[in-house]
Amino acid sequence: MKKLVAVSTLIALFALTLGVTYAAFTDKGKYQGSTFSVGSADLKILNDVTLGLDPLNLVEVKEGPVFENISPNWSQNYLMKIYNNATTNLALTTNANYETANDPADLRSIIFVEPFEWNDANGDGIVDTGEEGTSLGRKTIVKWKTEGYNLGTLNRGEVKSLILRFSTDSVSETKQGASGMIDFEFNATGM
């Protein structure tokens, strides 16, 4: 029995010595409370295309244009600039959005939109000779809603300038005096 106690004591002392030696020659470091943050899509519209990126000129919602006296073969440009205020590059698309109650005469089926890239080289907000770029295709407002347009990549801190050309081919007599309200939206997805 004494032998068993002596052997147990020796084993315990050996284990204790081994533990102290292990603790003396091991260590660890760790990062505690690591924070992960996902970038955000932050798209801004320049309220006035003739002004720059002044924070007071950047808005998320802007009152839409008013088009009057629409007739056969009518056309009018609407100039706009969109700014990527996000931390990442954004994939940019656009769609029309409407409720049929706001367009009872179905003007959306006879009015076309044709976006053009616009290189406002001098930043004056006016389409000068040579600044109108490539057409992205002409669609009715109905197709703009259902198909939309892919406007490509908008890099972080970049401004995309666009000309939206609204037009008609023909306008029937049944549409005379009609009006409708249609929103257009620009959507950004982080890349």
Protein backbone atom coordinates (compact mmCIF):
# COMPACT_ATOMS: atom_id res chain seq x y z
CA MET A 1 0.00 0.00 0.00
CA LYS A 2 2.89 2.31 0.86
CA LYS A 3 4.31 1.49 -2.48
CA LEU A 4 1.06 2.45 -4.20
CA VAL A 5 0.94 5.78 -2.33
CA ALA A 6 4.57 6.47 -3.20
CA VAL A 7 4.03 5.66 -6.88
CA SER A 8 0.85 7.78 -6.96
CA THR A 9 2.71 10.68 -5.33
CA LEU A 10 5.54 10.38 -7.87
CA ILE A 11 3.06 10.33 -10.76
CA ALA A 12 1.28 13.38 -9.36
CA LEU A 13 4.59 15.25 -8.91
CA PHE A 14 5.66 14.29 -12.42
CA ALA A 15 2.34 15.49 -13.89
CA LEU A 16 2.59 18.75 -11.93
CA THR A 17 6.17 19.31 -13.11
CA LEU A 18 5.16 18.52 -16.69
CA GLY A 19 2.21 20.98 -16.48
CA VAL A 20 4.43 23.77 -15.08
CA THR A 21 7.03 23.11 -17.79
CA TYR A 22 4.32 23.11 -20.52
CA ALA A 23 2.87 26.38 -19.21
CA ALA A 24 6.33 27.96 -19.11
CA PHE A 25 7.00 27.12 -22.77
CA THR A 26 3.61 27.75 -24.39
CA ASP A 27 1.61 30.87 -25.02
CA LYS A 28 -1.14 32.10 -27.29
CA GLY A 29 -2.39 35.37 -28.65
CA LYS A 30 -5.82 36.15 -29.98
CA TYR A 31 -7.80 38.88 -31.66
CA GLN A 32 -10.85 39.57 -29.59
CA GLY A 33 -14.01 41.26 -30.82
CA SER A 34 -13.13 41.36 -34.54
CA THR A 35 -15.55 43.58 -36.45
CA PHE A 36 -16.79 42.86 -39.96
CA SER A 37 -18.63 45.50 -41.94
CA VAL A 38 -20.42 44.98 -45.23
CA GLY A 39 -20.16 47.84 -47.73
CA SER A 40 -23.35 49.62 -48.63
CA ALA A 41 -24.92 50.74 -51.88
CA ASP A 42 -25.34 54.50 -51.64
CA LEU A 43 -26.61 56.04 -54.84
CA LYS A 44 -27.19 59.79 -55.07
CA ILE A 45 -28.80 61.97 -57.74
CA LEU A 46 -27.36 65.38 -58.50
CA ASN A 47 -30.27 67.73 -57.90
CA ASP A 48 -28.81 70.28 -60.32
CA VAL A 49 -26.67 68.82 -63.14
CA THR A 50 -24.77 72.12 -63.49
CA LEU A 51 -23.44 71.86 -59.94
CA GLY A 52 -20.85 69.44 -58.67
CA LEU A 53 -20.72 67.00 -55.79
CA ASP A 54 -21.57 69.50 -53.08
CA PRO A 55 -23.37 67.49 -50.35
CA LEU A 56 -26.28 69.94 -50.60
CA ASN A 57 -26.67 68.98 -54.29
CA LEU A 58 -26.88 65.22 -53.63
CA VAL A 59 -30.36 63.77 -53.16
CA GLU A 60 -31.96 60.34 -53.11
CA VAL A 61 -35.34 61.44 -54.44
CA LYS A 62 -35.92 64.17 -56.99
CA GLU A 63 -39.14 65.60 -58.36
CA GLY A 64 -39.63 64.28 -61.89
CA PRO A 65 -39.89 66.37 -65.04
CA VAL A 66 -43.16 67.69 -66.47
CA PHE A 67 -43.69 67.14 -70.19
CA GLU A 68 -46.49 69.14 -71.80
CA ASN A 69 -48.02 69.44 -75.26
CA ILE A 70 -46.99 65.97 -76.34
CA SER A 71 -47.90 65.42 -79.98
CA PRO A 72 -46.98 63.07 -82.83
CA ASN A 73 -43.20 62.89 -83.37
CA TRP A 74 -42.56 64.81 -80.14
CA SER A 75 -39.15 64.50 -78.45
CA GLN A 76 -37.60 66.05 -75.34
CA ASN A 77 -34.37 65.35 -73.46
CA TYR A 78 -34.03 65.10 -69.70
CA LEU A 79 -30.48 65.39 -68.35
CA MET A 80 -29.38 63.64 -65.20
CA LYS A 81 -26.29 62.68 -63.23
CA ILE A 82 -25.98 59.83 -60.73
CA TYR A 83 -23.19 59.57 -58.13
CA ASN A 84 -21.83 56.45 -56.44
CA ASN A 85 -21.35 57.48 -52.82
CA ALA A 86 -20.88 53.85 -51.73
CA THR A 87 -17.79 52.11 -50.44
CA THR A 88 -17.78 49.69 -53.39
CA ASN A 89 -18.44 49.64 -57.13
CA LEU A 90 -22.10 49.31 -58.07
CA ALA A 91 -23.99 47.56 -60.86
CA LEU A 92 -26.53 50.13 -62.06
CA THR A 93 -29.92 49.46 -63.65
CA THR A 94 -33.02 51.54 -64.30
CA ASN A 95 -36.72 50.78 -64.58
CA ALA A 96 -39.94 52.73 -64.91
CA ASN A 97 -42.47 52.31 -62.13
CA TYR A 98 -46.13 53.19 -62.37
CA GLU A 99 -49.59 52.28 -61.24
CA THR A 100 -52.16 51.99 -63.99
CA ALA A 101 -54.50 54.21 -61.96
CA ASN A 102 -51.98 57.05 -62.46
CA ASP A 103 -52.00 56.56 -66.25
CA PRO A 104 -55.62 55.79 -67.16
CA ALA A 105 -55.18 56.70 -70.85
CA ASP A 106 -52.25 54.26 -71.18
CA LEU A 107 -49.76 56.92 -72.32
CA ARG A 108 -47.01 54.53 -71.16
CA SER A 109 -47.58 52.44 -74.28
CA ILE A 110 -47.00 55.33 -76.74
CA ILE A 111 -44.20 57.25 -74.99
CA PHE A 112 -40.68 55.97 -75.56
CA VAL A 113 -37.51 56.48 -73.57
CA GLU A 114 -34.01 56.20 -75.01
CA PRO A 115 -31.09 56.62 -72.58
CA PHE A 116 -27.81 57.93 -73.97
CA GLU A 117 -24.46 57.97 -72.25
CA TRP A 118 -23.33 61.56 -71.82
CA ASN A 119 -19.75 62.71 -71.45
CA ASP A 120 -20.20 66.14 -69.86
CA ALA A 121 -16.52 66.87 -70.50
CA ASN A 122 -16.56 70.42 -69.17
CA GLY A 123 -19.00 69.68 -66.32
CA ASP A 124 -21.36 72.51 -67.28
CA GLY A 125 -24.52 70.38 -67.35
CA ILE A 126 -25.21 71.25 -71.00
CA VAL A 127 -24.99 68.73 -73.84
CA ASP A 128 -22.33 70.25 -76.08
CA THR A 129 -21.29 69.03 -79.52
CA GLY A 130 -19.62 65.64 -79.27
CA GLU A 131 -20.77 64.91 -75.70
CA GLU A 132 -23.78 62.74 -76.57
CA GLY A 133 -22.66 59.13 -76.42
CA THR A 134 -24.05 55.74 -77.27
CA SER A 135 -27.77 54.97 -77.21
CA LEU A 136 -28.79 52.16 -74.87
CA GLY A 137 -31.87 51.42 -77.00
CA ARG A 138 -35.37 52.83 -77.38
CA LYS A 139 -38.28 51.26 -75.47
CA THR A 140 -41.81 52.18 -74.51
CA ILE A 141 -42.30 53.03 -70.87
CA VAL A 142 -44.08 49.66 -70.51
CA LYS A 143 -40.91 47.86 -71.71
CA TRP A 144 -38.78 50.14 -69.52
CA LYS A 145 -40.74 48.80 -66.55
CA THR A 146 -40.67 45.13 -67.53
CA GLU A 147 -37.21 44.89 -69.14
CA GLY A 148 -35.35 47.89 -67.75
CA TYR A 149 -31.90 48.99 -68.82
CA ASN A 150 -28.52 47.80 -67.65
CA LEU A 151 -26.38 50.92 -67.19
CA GLY A 152 -23.17 49.03 -66.41
CA THR A 153 -20.77 49.55 -63.54
CA LEU A 154 -20.59 52.76 -61.57
CA ASN A 155 -17.23 52.86 -59.82
CA ARG A 156 -16.89 54.17 -56.28
CA GLY A 157 -16.82 57.99 -56.32
CA GLU A 158 -17.81 58.14 -60.01
CA VAL A 159 -20.58 60.21 -61.63
CA LYS A 160 -22.60 58.76 -64.51
CA SER A 161 -24.22 61.33 -66.77
CA LEU A 162 -27.23 60.33 -68.85
CA ILE A 163 -29.56 61.87 -71.39
CA LEU A 164 -33.06 60.39 -71.23
CA ARG A 165 -34.75 61.13 -74.54
CA PHE A 166 -38.53 60.84 -74.29
CA SER A 167 -40.45 60.69 -77.57
CA THR A 168 -43.57 59.55 -79.39
CA ASP A 169 -44.21 58.28 -82.88
CA SER A 170 -47.93 58.86 -83.14
CA VAL A 171 -50.61 60.03 -80.73
CA SER A 172 -54.22 59.08 -81.41
CA GLU A 173 -57.07 61.52 -80.96
CA THR A 174 -58.33 59.45 -78.02
CA LYS A 175 -55.21 60.49 -76.09
CA GLN A 176 -55.82 64.24 -76.49
CA GLY A 177 -55.99 65.98 -73.12
CA ALA A 178 -54.82 62.85 -71.29
CA SER A 179 -52.12 62.85 -68.64
CA GLY A 180 -50.28 60.25 -66.64
CA MET A 181 -47.73 60.04 -63.85
CA ILE A 182 -44.77 57.69 -64.14
CA ASP A 183 -41.74 57.29 -61.87
CA PHE A 184 -38.35 56.18 -63.03
CA GLU A 185 -35.92 54.51 -60.66
CA PHE A 186 -32.23 53.74 -60.62
CA ASN A 187 -31.15 50.64 -58.75
CA ALA A 188 -27.69 49.84 -57.46
CA THR A 189 -26.27 46.51 -56.38
CA GLY A 190 -22.89 46.27 -54.67
CA MET A 191 -20.26 44.30 -56.55
